[in-house]
């Protein structure tokens, strides 16, 4: 279960942690040269085994346990801290007596990890283990990126396109992502075509088409055109304003709040100490979490069904956005995206109490968190509060009645024009039928998709791309926050930052 990178003393350590073996069993396996001491290399191996066992026992079956070489920086830093505490003789080695303290320390740390009582004040085994288990996974867009012409898709959602492709005749050629690719639209046009044929047949065989007042029928339809254009235009304008508010003030407001916090942390934490790196990671993780929860709520993924919801929570945990203790708390909360901002502010306040952050920045952080909560709440308000049902129903009734009347009267006019030898009128009615029916049906379908732009339709907000961009931007802020070229010791800090950020990635 623990993998190829874990040797034969791993089971001994596991037995010790479960109470099935004493400390001597570990000593016998870790002191391989039998000199009665544990040197730094053997100590590193022990610390790595502790981390590996914790990751293996608190992650899924398909978890990839980091190799020892990938954790050299964390293990080296932790060893330095522990050596000062455990090596009472000061000889740089751990003898059997001193090893008793290490055993007590390991048991204490594993107890804290099992209870979820993780220490965050300083460098310790439990905090490093938690970061390994619950680090936000870096997103790669390579497998999810596709192109159709000049339109770019990420995970099936449109990210960008070149508008000049549609200005000329390309509008008739590049149809991906447009309403003209809708199967439902053409199905509706086919049904309306049947009505047109019925109108033609009635005029042909059940009435005298030569007696029809073509000008009168045309004037009647032109009046309906003007009325419908007013209602449809007003409806589409309201939908667009609602969509743009969710985009510019809702999702963008959340993204801006997370990046503002990252900017503030980058400006305050320059030393890249382990506790500083951990603070940045936690804040970014919670920021990404509130963004993801907004989409989950908008897509109604939480249905208060234990079996269904469990899969949703497991997905969050697999992505490194939540740990199991946080999941247990969030399950009971009603307004989850907004509530996470309380966690963010509380964590920042705790960091101030521990001296990681200056204690005079609470007001500043509070204002940023308020903005993030407002943006989250605004987005969810628009999702939960739809346009009035009677109004939407009225618009849909008007459009459908207009299409029905247009199809039927177009068939009658075409028949009358055929009987009176007016080929121009026939062409005009056919063109009018297709043009108006496609336009108004397209408006209804586009408006329906834009009602909830946090779904999984191709024109909805590209969640994966936004999260990827947010991680990249925050990572850049954190990286540059420890690389200040105007300082004399810049080169040393750059080298230290590269080592630490490689081992504890922010994204």
Protein backbone atom coordinates (compact mmCIF):
# COMPACT_ATOMS: atom_id res chain seq x y z
CA UNK A 1 0.00 0.00 0.00
CA UNK A 2 2.85 2.38 0.81
CA UNK A 3 4.62 1.97 -2.52
CA UNK A 4 8.05 1.13 -3.83
CA UNK A 5 9.77 4.14 -2.32
CA UNK A 6 9.17 2.86 1.23
CA UNK A 7 11.54 0.24 2.58
CA UNK A 8 11.23 -2.48 5.18
CA UNK A 9 11.24 -0.27 8.26
CA UNK A 10 7.95 1.34 7.16
CA UNK A 11 5.83 -1.54 8.52
CA UNK A 12 7.76 -1.34 11.81
CA UNK A 13 6.92 2.34 12.15
CA UNK A 14 3.29 1.62 11.28
CA UNK A 15 3.18 -1.05 14.00
CA UNK A 16 4.65 1.40 16.50
CA UNK A 17 2.06 4.06 15.66
CA UNK A 18 -0.78 1.55 16.00
CA UNK A 19 0.54 0.36 19.38
CA UNK A 20 1.52 -3.10 18.12
CA UNK A 21 5.29 -2.65 18.57
CA UNK A 22 7.64 -0.71 20.83
CA UNK A 23 10.22 1.91 19.89
CA UNK A 24 13.04 -0.62 19.94
CA UNK A 25 11.74 -2.22 16.74
CA UNK A 26 12.15 1.06 14.88
CA UNK A 27 15.58 1.63 16.40
CA UNK A 28 16.78 -1.78 15.25
CA UNK A 29 15.72 -1.10 11.67
CA UNK A 30 16.74 2.55 11.35
CA UNK A 31 20.21 2.18 12.94
CA UNK A 32 21.34 0.00 10.06
CA UNK A 33 25.07 0.31 10.64
CA UNK A 34 24.65 -0.65 14.30
CA UNK A 35 26.82 2.18 15.64
CA UNK A 36 24.30 3.09 18.34
CA UNK A 37 23.50 6.47 16.82
CA UNK A 38 21.11 7.94 14.28
CA UNK A 39 22.84 10.32 11.93
CA UNK A 40 21.19 13.01 9.83
CA UNK A 41 20.61 10.69 6.86
CA UNK A 42 18.90 8.06 9.02
CA UNK A 43 16.88 10.78 10.77
CA UNK A 44 15.71 12.12 7.40
CA UNK A 45 14.58 8.64 6.45
CA UNK A 46 12.52 8.34 9.62
CA UNK A 47 10.81 11.70 9.06
CA UNK A 48 10.05 10.79 5.46
CA UNK A 49 8.47 7.53 6.58
CA UNK A 50 6.24 9.38 9.05
CA UNK A 51 5.02 11.70 6.30
CA UNK A 52 4.53 8.85 3.80
CA UNK A 53 2.50 6.74 6.23
CA UNK A 54 0.26 9.69 7.06
CA UNK A 55 -0.37 10.52 3.39
CA UNK A 56 -1.06 6.87 2.53
CA UNK A 57 -3.51 6.40 5.40
CA UNK A 58 -5.42 9.65 4.86
CA UNK A 59 -5.75 9.75 1.08
CA UNK A 60 -7.44 7.71 -1.63
CA UNK A 61 -6.16 4.42 -3.00
CA UNK A 62 -4.77 6.14 -6.08
CA UNK A 63 -2.75 8.71 -4.13
CA UNK A 64 0.75 9.39 -5.36
CA UNK A 65 3.06 9.52 -2.34
CA UNK A 66 5.85 12.08 -2.86
CA UNK A 67 9.33 10.60 -3.19
CA UNK A 68 11.88 11.34 -0.50
CA UNK A 69 13.95 13.49 -2.86
CA UNK A 70 10.88 15.67 -3.50
CA UNK A 71 10.60 16.48 0.21
CA UNK A 72 14.24 17.23 0.93
CA UNK A 73 13.64 20.87 1.82
CA UNK A 74 10.73 20.21 4.23
CA UNK A 75 12.50 17.25 5.85
CA UNK A 76 15.78 19.14 6.15
CA UNK A 77 14.09 22.13 7.80
CA UNK A 78 12.15 19.88 10.18
CA UNK A 79 15.28 17.89 11.08
CA UNK A 80 17.13 21.12 11.94
CA UNK A 81 14.33 22.18 14.28
CA UNK A 82 14.04 18.78 15.95
CA UNK A 83 17.80 18.31 16.34
CA UNK A 84 17.93 21.42 18.50
CA UNK A 85 15.24 19.95 20.76
CA UNK A 86 16.23 16.25 20.79
CA UNK A 87 20.03 16.31 20.59
CA UNK A 88 20.67 17.19 24.22
CA UNK A 89 24.33 16.17 23.99
CA UNK A 90 24.91 18.53 21.08
CA UNK A 91 27.02 16.03 19.11
CA UNK A 92 24.85 16.17 16.00
CA UNK A 93 23.64 12.60 16.50
CA UNK A 94 20.74 10.91 18.26
CA UNK A 95 21.57 8.14 20.70
CA UNK A 96 19.14 5.56 22.08
CA UNK A 97 18.19 7.65 25.09
CA UNK A 98 17.53 10.76 23.00
CA UNK A 99 15.55 8.61 20.59
CA UNK A 100 12.90 8.18 23.29
CA UNK A 101 12.03 11.87 22.90
CA UNK A 102 11.65 11.40 19.17
CA UNK A 103 9.25 8.52 19.71
CA UNK A 104 7.16 10.66 22.08
CA UNK A 105 7.19 13.52 19.57
CA UNK A 106 6.06 11.29 16.68
CA UNK A 107 3.21 9.79 18.70
CA UNK A 108 2.09 13.23 19.85
CA UNK A 109 2.12 14.60 16.29
CA UNK A 110 0.20 11.64 14.89
CA UNK A 111 -2.40 12.02 17.63
CA UNK A 112 -2.85 15.67 16.68
CA UNK A 113 -3.20 14.73 13.02
CA UNK A 114 -5.79 12.05 13.76
CA UNK A 115 -7.79 14.51 15.87
CA UNK A 116 -7.46 17.25 13.27
CA UNK A 117 -5.72 19.44 15.86
CA UNK A 118 -2.96 20.56 13.50
CA UNK A 119 -0.32 22.95 14.82
CA UNK A 120 0.36 25.98 12.65
CA UNK A 121 2.73 27.90 14.90
CA UNK A 122 6.11 26.94 13.57
CA UNK A 123 7.50 24.01 11.63
CA UNK A 124 6.31 20.58 12.73
CA UNK A 125 5.44 17.15 11.41
CA UNK A 126 1.66 17.60 11.53
CA UNK A 127 1.56 20.84 9.52
CA UNK A 128 3.85 19.43 6.80
CA UNK A 129 1.73 16.27 6.58
CA UNK A 130 -1.46 18.30 6.21
CA UNK A 131 0.03 20.37 3.40
CA UNK A 132 1.01 17.20 1.54
CA UNK A 133 -2.49 15.73 1.87
CA UNK A 134 -4.50 18.85 1.21
CA UNK A 135 -2.44 20.97 -1.15
CA UNK A 136 -4.42 22.53 -3.97
CA UNK A 137 -3.51 20.60 -7.08
CA UNK A 138 -1.97 22.52 -9.94
CA UNK A 139 -4.27 22.68 -12.94
CA UNK A 140 -3.06 21.81 -16.41
CA UNK A 141 -5.15 22.99 -19.35
CA UNK A 142 -3.33 20.98 -22.00
CA UNK A 143 -5.72 18.03 -21.96
CA UNK A 144 -8.81 20.24 -21.70
CA UNK A 145 -7.91 22.81 -24.37
CA UNK A 146 -9.38 22.54 -27.86
CA UNK A 147 -9.72 24.89 -30.81
CA UNK A 148 -12.48 25.15 -33.37
CA UNK A 149 -11.26 27.67 -35.89
CA UNK A 150 -10.13 30.64 -33.85
CA UNK A 151 -12.48 29.85 -30.95
CA UNK A 152 -10.70 28.39 -27.93
CA UNK A 153 -12.44 25.99 -25.56
CA UNK A 154 -11.34 24.89 -22.08
CA UNK A 155 -13.24 21.85 -20.75
CA UNK A 156 -15.89 22.42 -23.40
CA UNK A 157 -16.50 26.08 -22.50
CA UNK A 158 -15.59 29.05 -24.67
CA UNK A 159 -12.66 31.08 -23.34
CA UNK A 160 -12.02 33.48 -26.21
CA UNK A 161 -12.60 34.00 -29.94
CA UNK A 162 -11.82 36.50 -32.68
CA UNK A 163 -14.84 38.69 -33.30
CA UNK A 164 -13.57 39.75 -36.73
CA UNK A 165 -14.16 36.17 -37.92
CA UNK A 166 -17.90 36.85 -37.78
CA UNK A 167 -18.01 40.39 -39.15
CA UNK A 168 -17.96 39.32 -42.78
CA UNK A 169 -19.13 36.05 -44.32
CA UNK A 170 -17.52 34.01 -41.58
CA UNK A 171 -20.77 34.36 -39.62
CA UNK A 172 -22.28 31.79 -41.99
CA UNK A 173 -19.31 29.43 -41.76
CA UNK A 174 -18.04 29.45 -38.15
CA UNK A 175 -21.07 28.15 -36.29
CA UNK A 176 -19.50 26.39 -33.28
CA UNK A 177 -20.69 28.00 -30.07
CA UNK A 178 -23.49 29.86 -31.86
CA UNK A 179 -27.23 29.40 -31.66
CA UNK A 180 -27.28 28.07 -35.24
CA UNK A 181 -25.69 24.85 -33.95
CA UNK A 182 -28.67 24.20 -31.68
CA UNK A 183 -30.58 21.03 -32.51
CA UNK A 184 -33.65 22.34 -30.64
CA UNK A 185 -33.71 25.47 -32.78
CA UNK A 186 -33.87 23.55 -36.04
CA UNK A 187 -36.37 21.13 -34.55
CA UNK A 188 -38.61 24.12 -33.75
CA UNK A 189 -38.14 25.52 -37.27
CA UNK A 190 -39.17 22.16 -38.73
CA UNK A 191 -42.33 22.13 -36.59
CA UNK A 192 -43.15 25.67 -37.68
CA UNK A 193 -42.55 24.57 -41.27
CA UNK A 194 -45.33 22.01 -40.80
CA UNK A 195 -47.65 24.84 -39.71
CA UNK A 196 -46.66 26.80 -42.81
CA UNK A 197 -47.62 23.82 -44.98
CA UNK A 198 -50.95 23.50 -43.15
CA UNK A 199 -51.71 27.18 -43.79
CA UNK A 200 -50.81 26.73 -47.44
CA UNK A 201 -53.04 23.62 -47.73
CA UNK A 202 -56.03 25.34 -46.12
CA UNK A 203 -55.70 28.33 -48.45
CA UNK A 204 -55.24 26.02 -51.43
CA UNK A 205 -58.10 23.61 -50.95
CA UNK A 206 -60.41 24.99 -48.27
CA UNK A 207 -60.62 28.62 -49.31
CA UNK A 208 -60.35 30.88 -52.32
CA UNK A 209 -56.78 32.18 -52.08
CA UNK A 210 -57.36 34.71 -54.83
CA UNK A 211 -59.70 36.62 -52.51
CA UNK A 212 -57.10 37.06 -49.76
CA UNK A 213 -56.04 40.60 -48.88
CA UNK A 214 -52.28 40.11 -49.02
CA UNK A 215 -51.58 43.72 -48.05
CA UNK A 216 -53.89 43.41 -45.05
CA UNK A 217 -52.23 40.19 -43.85
CA UNK A 218 -48.82 41.74 -44.32
CA UNK A 219 -49.81 44.85 -42.32
CA UNK A 220 -51.16 42.67 -39.52
CA UNK A 221 -47.87 40.77 -39.28
CA UNK A 222 -45.85 43.99 -39.37
CA UNK A 223 -47.80 45.21 -36.34
CA UNK A 224 -46.98 42.00 -34.49
CA UNK A 225 -43.35 42.38 -35.55
CA UNK A 226 -43.10 45.79 -33.89
CA UNK A 227 -44.79 44.60 -30.70
CA UNK A 228 -42.62 41.50 -30.40
CA UNK A 229 -39.42 43.41 -31.16
CA UNK A 230 -40.14 45.69 -28.21
CA UNK A 231 -40.81 42.84 -25.74
CA UNK A 232 -37.97 40.64 -26.97
CA UNK A 233 -35.48 43.51 -26.93
CA UNK A 234 -36.44 44.50 -23.38
CA UNK A 235 -36.21 40.87 -22.21
CA UNK A 236 -32.81 40.30 -23.79
CA UNK A 237 -31.50 43.57 -22.33
CA UNK A 238 -32.51 42.46 -18.83
CA UNK A 239 -30.89 39.06 -19.29
CA UNK A 240 -27.67 40.64 -20.58
CA UNK A 241 -27.50 43.10 -17.66
CA UNK A 242 -28.06 40.25 -15.22
CA UNK A 243 -25.37 38.14 -16.92
CA UNK A 244 -22.86 40.99 -16.96
CA UNK A 245 -23.46 41.78 -13.29
CA UNK A 246 -22.69 38.19 -12.32
CA UNK A 247 -19.55 38.30 -14.45
CA UNK A 248 -18.15 41.74 -13.64
CA UNK A 249 -19.25 42.13 -10.01
CA UNK A 250 -19.86 38.55 -8.93
CA UNK A 251 -17.19 36.13 -10.16
CA UNK A 252 -14.73 38.94 -10.90
CA UNK A 253 -15.38 40.33 -7.43
CA UNK A 254 -14.45 36.99 -5.87
CA UNK A 255 -11.32 36.72 -8.04
CA UNK A 256 -10.31 40.29 -7.19
CA UNK A 257 -10.74 39.68 -3.46
CA UNK A 258 -8.55 36.56 -3.57
CA UNK A 259 -5.84 38.32 -5.59
CA UNK A 260 -6.03 41.37 -3.30
CA UNK A 261 -5.40 39.12 -0.30
CA UNK A 262 -2.54 37.44 -2.16
CA UNK A 263 -1.07 40.83 -3.01
CA UNK A 264 -1.29 41.95 0.60
CA UNK A 265 0.36 38.75 1.84
CA UNK A 266 3.06 39.00 -0.81
CA UNK A 267 3.80 42.54 0.36
CA UNK A 268 3.97 41.57 4.03
CA UNK A 269 5.70 38.17 3.96
CA UNK A 270 9.10 38.41 2.30
CA UNK A 271 11.16 35.77 4.10
CA UNK A 272 9.34 32.73 2.70
CA UNK A 273 9.58 30.95 6.02
CA UNK A 274 7.64 27.69 6.22
CA UNK A 275 4.86 29.23 8.30
CA UNK A 276 4.59 32.08 5.79
CA UNK A 277 4.39 29.70 2.85
CA UNK A 278 1.74 27.70 4.68
CA UNK A 279 -0.30 30.84 5.37
CA UNK A 280 -0.23 31.81 1.69
CA UNK A 281 -1.26 28.32 0.65
CA UNK A 282 -4.18 28.20 3.08
CA UNK A 283 -5.55 31.59 2.01
CA UNK A 284 -5.26 30.71 -1.67
CA UNK A 285 -6.87 27.33 -1.07
CA UNK A 286 -9.84 28.91 0.72
CA UNK A 287 -10.14 31.51 -2.04
CA UNK A 288 -10.26 28.83 -4.71
CA UNK A 289 -12.72 26.90 -2.55
CA UNK A 290 -15.26 29.72 -2.38
CA UNK A 291 -15.00 30.13 -6.17
CA UNK A 292 -15.62 26.41 -6.70
CA UNK A 293 -18.50 26.34 -4.20
CA UNK A 294 -20.30 29.10 -6.11
CA UNK A 295 -20.36 26.92 -9.22
CA UNK A 296 -21.38 23.84 -7.22
CA UNK A 297 -24.30 25.73 -5.67
CA UNK A 298 -25.33 27.23 -9.03
CA UNK A 299 -25.30 23.77 -10.63
CA UNK A 300 -27.34 22.39 -7.71
CA UNK A 301 -24.77 19.71 -6.93
CA UNK A 302 -25.75 19.65 -3.26
CA UNK A 303 -29.09 17.84 -3.10
CA UNK A 304 -29.19 16.80 0.59
CA UNK A 305 -28.81 13.18 -0.51
CA UNK A 306 -25.95 11.53 1.43
CA UNK A 307 -24.79 9.21 -1.35
CA UNK A 308 -24.91 11.90 -4.04
CA UNK A 309 -23.42 14.69 -1.94
CA UNK A 310 -20.61 12.43 -0.71
CA UNK A 311 -19.25 12.20 -4.26
CA UNK A 312 -19.29 15.99 -4.55
CA UNK A 313 -17.37 16.44 -1.31
CA UNK A 314 -14.89 13.75 -2.28
CA UNK A 315 -14.22 15.62 -5.51
CA UNK A 316 -13.40 18.76 -3.53
CA UNK A 317 -11.07 16.78 -1.28
CA UNK A 318 -9.35 15.08 -4.21
CA UNK A 319 -8.65 18.48 -5.74
CA UNK A 320 -7.05 19.57 -2.48
CA UNK A 321 -9.64 22.28 -1.80
CA UNK A 322 -10.88 20.71 1.44
CA UNK A 323 -9.74 18.35 4.15
CA UNK A 324 -12.10 15.96 5.89
CA UNK A 325 -12.46 18.15 8.99
CA UNK A 326 -13.47 21.16 6.89
CA UNK A 327 -15.89 19.02 4.90
CA UNK A 328 -17.65 17.95 8.08
CA UNK A 329 -18.19 21.61 9.01
CA UNK A 330 -19.27 22.86 5.58
CA UNK A 331 -21.84 20.10 5.12
CA UNK A 332 -23.97 21.73 7.82
CA UNK A 333 -23.74 25.27 6.41
CA UNK A 334 -26.47 26.66 4.15
CA UNK A 335 -24.66 29.50 2.37
CA UNK A 336 -21.35 27.79 1.81
CA UNK A 337 -19.54 30.19 -0.62
CA UNK A 338 -20.19 33.20 1.60
CA UNK A 339 -19.29 31.36 4.82
CA UNK A 340 -15.77 30.45 3.66
CA UNK A 341 -14.82 34.12 3.85
CA UNK A 342 -15.35 33.84 7.61
CA UNK A 343 -12.73 31.11 7.66
CA UNK A 344 -10.33 33.27 5.67
CA UNK A 345 -10.69 36.24 8.01
CA UNK A 346 -10.42 34.04 11.11
CA UNK A 347 -7.27 32.38 9.81
CA UNK A 348 -5.67 35.75 9.07
CA UNK A 349 -6.58 36.99 12.55
CA UNK A 350 -5.00 33.86 14.07
CA UNK A 351 -1.84 34.50 12.03
CA UNK A 352 -1.69 38.00 13.51
CA UNK A 353 -1.97 36.61 17.02
CA UNK A 354 0.89 34.22 16.32
CA UNK A 355 3.08 37.04 15.00
CA UNK A 356 3.20 35.78 11.39
CA UNK A 357 1.40 38.93 10.22
CA UNK A 358 1.45 42.46 11.67
CA UNK A 359 -1.35 42.85 14.20
CA UNK A 360 -2.55 46.19 12.76
CA UNK A 361 -3.83 44.82 9.44
CA UNK A 362 -7.12 43.29 10.60
CA UNK A 363 -9.24 46.18 9.31
CA UNK A 364 -7.61 46.00 5.89
CA UNK A 365 -8.10 42.24 5.62
CA UNK A 366 -11.65 42.55 6.92
CA UNK A 367 -12.56 44.98 4.13
CA UNK A 368 -11.17 42.66 1.47
CA UNK A 369 -13.06 39.70 2.93
CA UNK A 370 -16.23 41.78 3.05
CA UNK A 371 -15.82 42.54 -0.64
CA UNK A 372 -15.30 38.86 -1.39
CA UNK A 373 -18.35 37.86 0.63
CA UNK A 374 -20.46 40.53 -1.08
CA UNK A 375 -19.34 39.30 -4.50
CA UNK A 376 -20.14 35.70 -3.56
CA UNK A 377 -23.52 36.72 -2.19
CA UNK A 378 -24.32 38.85 -5.23
CA UNK A 379 -23.64 35.96 -7.58
CA UNK A 380 -25.76 33.54 -5.59
CA UNK A 381 -28.53 36.15 -5.24
CA UNK A 382 -28.82 36.43 -9.02
CA UNK A 383 -28.77 32.64 -9.38
CA UNK A 384 -31.45 32.09 -6.73
CA UNK A 385 -33.56 35.14 -7.62
CA UNK A 386 -34.76 34.70 -11.20
CA UNK A 387 -36.79 37.11 -13.29
CA UNK A 388 -40.50 36.96 -12.35
CA UNK A 389 -42.14 33.81 -13.69
CA UNK A 390 -45.24 35.59 -15.12
CA UNK A 391 -42.98 37.95 -17.08
CA UNK A 392 -40.79 35.18 -18.53
CA UNK A 393 -43.88 33.11 -19.29
CA UNK A 394 -45.50 36.07 -21.05
CA UNK A 395 -42.43 36.64 -23.23
CA UNK A 396 -42.30 32.96 -24.19
CA UNK A 397 -46.06 32.92 -24.94
CA UNK A 398 -45.76 36.02 -27.12
CA UNK A 399 -42.81 34.62 -29.08
CA UNK A 400 -44.41 31.21 -29.59
CA UNK A 401 -47.76 32.73 -30.62
CA UNK A 402 -45.99 35.05 -33.02
CA UNK A 403 -44.07 32.16 -34.59
CA UNK A 404 -47.26 30.13 -34.92
CA UNK A 405 -49.20 32.99 -36.53
CA UNK A 406 -46.24 33.87 -38.75
CA UNK A 407 -45.91 30.30 -40.00
CA UNK A 408 -49.64 29.89 -40.66
CA UNK A 409 -50.16 33.27 -42.38
CA UNK A 410 -46.96 32.86 -44.39
CA UNK A 411 -48.38 29.64 -45.82
CA UNK A 412 -51.63 31.40 -46.71
CA UNK A 413 -49.85 34.37 -48.30
CA UNK A 414 -47.55 32.07 -50.28
CA UNK A 415 -50.60 30.24 -51.65
CA UNK A 416 -52.38 33.51 -52.52
CA UNK A 417 -49.21 34.85 -54.20
CA UNK A 418 -48.92 31.65 -56.19
CA UNK A 419 -52.53 31.88 -57.34
CA UNK A 420 -52.17 35.54 -58.34
CA UNK A 421 -48.74 35.08 -59.93
CA UNK A 422 -46.65 37.12 -57.44
CA UNK A 423 -43.31 35.23 -57.26
CA UNK A 424 -41.64 38.13 -55.45
CA UNK A 425 -44.12 37.82 -52.59
CA UNK A 426 -43.41 34.10 -52.31
CA UNK A 427 -39.67 34.73 -51.94
CA UNK A 428 -40.32 37.51 -49.42
CA UNK A 429 -42.54 35.33 -47.22
CA UNK A 430 -40.17 32.36 -47.23
CA UNK A 431 -37.25 34.60 -46.28
CA UNK A 432 -39.30 36.34 -43.62
CA UNK A 433 -40.46 33.05 -42.14
CA UNK A 434 -36.96 31.64 -41.74
CA UNK A 435 -35.32 34.89 -40.65
CA UNK A 436 -37.83 35.90 -37.98
CA UNK A 437 -38.41 32.43 -36.60
CA UNK A 438 -34.66 31.77 -36.29
CA UNK A 439 -33.97 35.16 -34.68
CA UNK A 440 -36.69 34.97 -32.04
CA UNK A 441 -36.11 31.31 -31.25
CA UNK A 442 -32.40 32.08 -30.98
CA UNK A 443 -33.17 34.89 -28.52
CA UNK A 444 -35.20 32.53 -26.32
CA UNK A 445 -32.55 29.81 -26.31
CA UNK A 446 -29.64 32.21 -25.72
CA UNK A 447 -31.52 33.95 -22.91
CA UNK A 448 -32.26 30.59 -21.29
CA UNK A 449 -28.55 29.69 -21.28
CA UNK A 450 -27.55 33.11 -19.94
CA UNK A 451 -30.02 32.87 -17.06
CA UNK A 452 -27.52 30.69 -15.19
CA UNK A 453 -24.05 31.36 -16.63
CA UNK A 454 -22.39 29.21 -13.95
CA UNK A 455 -23.54 25.96 -15.52
CA UNK A 456 -21.78 23.61 -17.91
CA UNK A 457 -23.01 25.00 -21.24
CA UNK A 458 -20.40 26.04 -23.78
CA UNK A 459 -21.21 29.75 -23.36
CA UNK A 460 -21.16 29.68 -19.54
CA UNK A 461 -18.31 31.18 -17.54
CA UNK A 462 -15.26 28.91 -18.03
CA UNK A 463 -14.76 27.74 -14.44
CA UNK A 464 -11.60 25.72 -15.04
CA UNK A 465 -9.89 28.53 -16.94
CA UNK A 466 -10.82 31.14 -14.31
CA UNK A 467 -9.45 28.93 -11.52
CA UNK A 468 -6.26 28.28 -13.48
CA UNK A 469 -5.78 32.02 -14.10
CA UNK A 470 -6.42 32.80 -10.44
CA UNK A 471 -3.84 30.25 -9.29
CA UNK A 472 -1.27 31.54 -11.77
CA UNK A 473 -1.74 35.17 -10.76
CA UNK A 474 -1.52 34.45 -7.03
CA UNK A 475 1.52 32.22 -7.59
CA UNK A 476 3.22 35.07 -9.46
CA UNK A 477 2.46 37.49 -6.61
CA UNK A 478 3.83 35.09 -4.01
CA UNK A 479 6.98 34.38 -6.02
CA UNK A 480 7.81 38.03 -6.63
CA UNK A 481 7.03 38.88 -3.01
CA UNK A 482 10.26 37.15 -1.96
CA UNK A 483 12.38 38.37 -4.89
CA UNK A 484 13.23 42.01 -4.31
CA UNK A 485 16.05 43.08 -6.64
CA UNK A 486 16.79 46.29 -4.74
CA UNK A 487 18.06 44.33 -1.72
CA UNK A 488 21.75 43.41 -1.45
CA UNK A 489 21.03 39.82 -0.49
CA UNK A 490 18.63 39.39 -3.41
CA UNK A 491 20.48 36.47 -5.01
CA UNK A 492 20.51 34.47 -1.80
CA UNK A 493 16.79 35.02 -1.28
CA UNK A 494 16.01 34.09 -4.89
CA UNK A 495 17.82 30.77 -4.48
CA UNK A 496 16.04 30.06 -1.20
CA UNK A 497 12.67 30.99 -2.69
CA UNK A 498 13.17 28.71 -5.66
CA UNK A 499 13.99 25.79 -3.39
CA UNK A 500 11.00 26.32 -1.13
CA UNK A 501 8.44 27.07 -3.85
CA UNK A 502 9.49 23.99 -5.76
CA UNK A 503 8.81 21.85 -2.71
CA UNK A 504 5.66 23.64 -1.51
CA UNK A 505 3.86 24.77 -4.70
CA UNK A 506 1.21 27.39 -4.25
CA UNK A 507 -0.82 26.45 -7.31
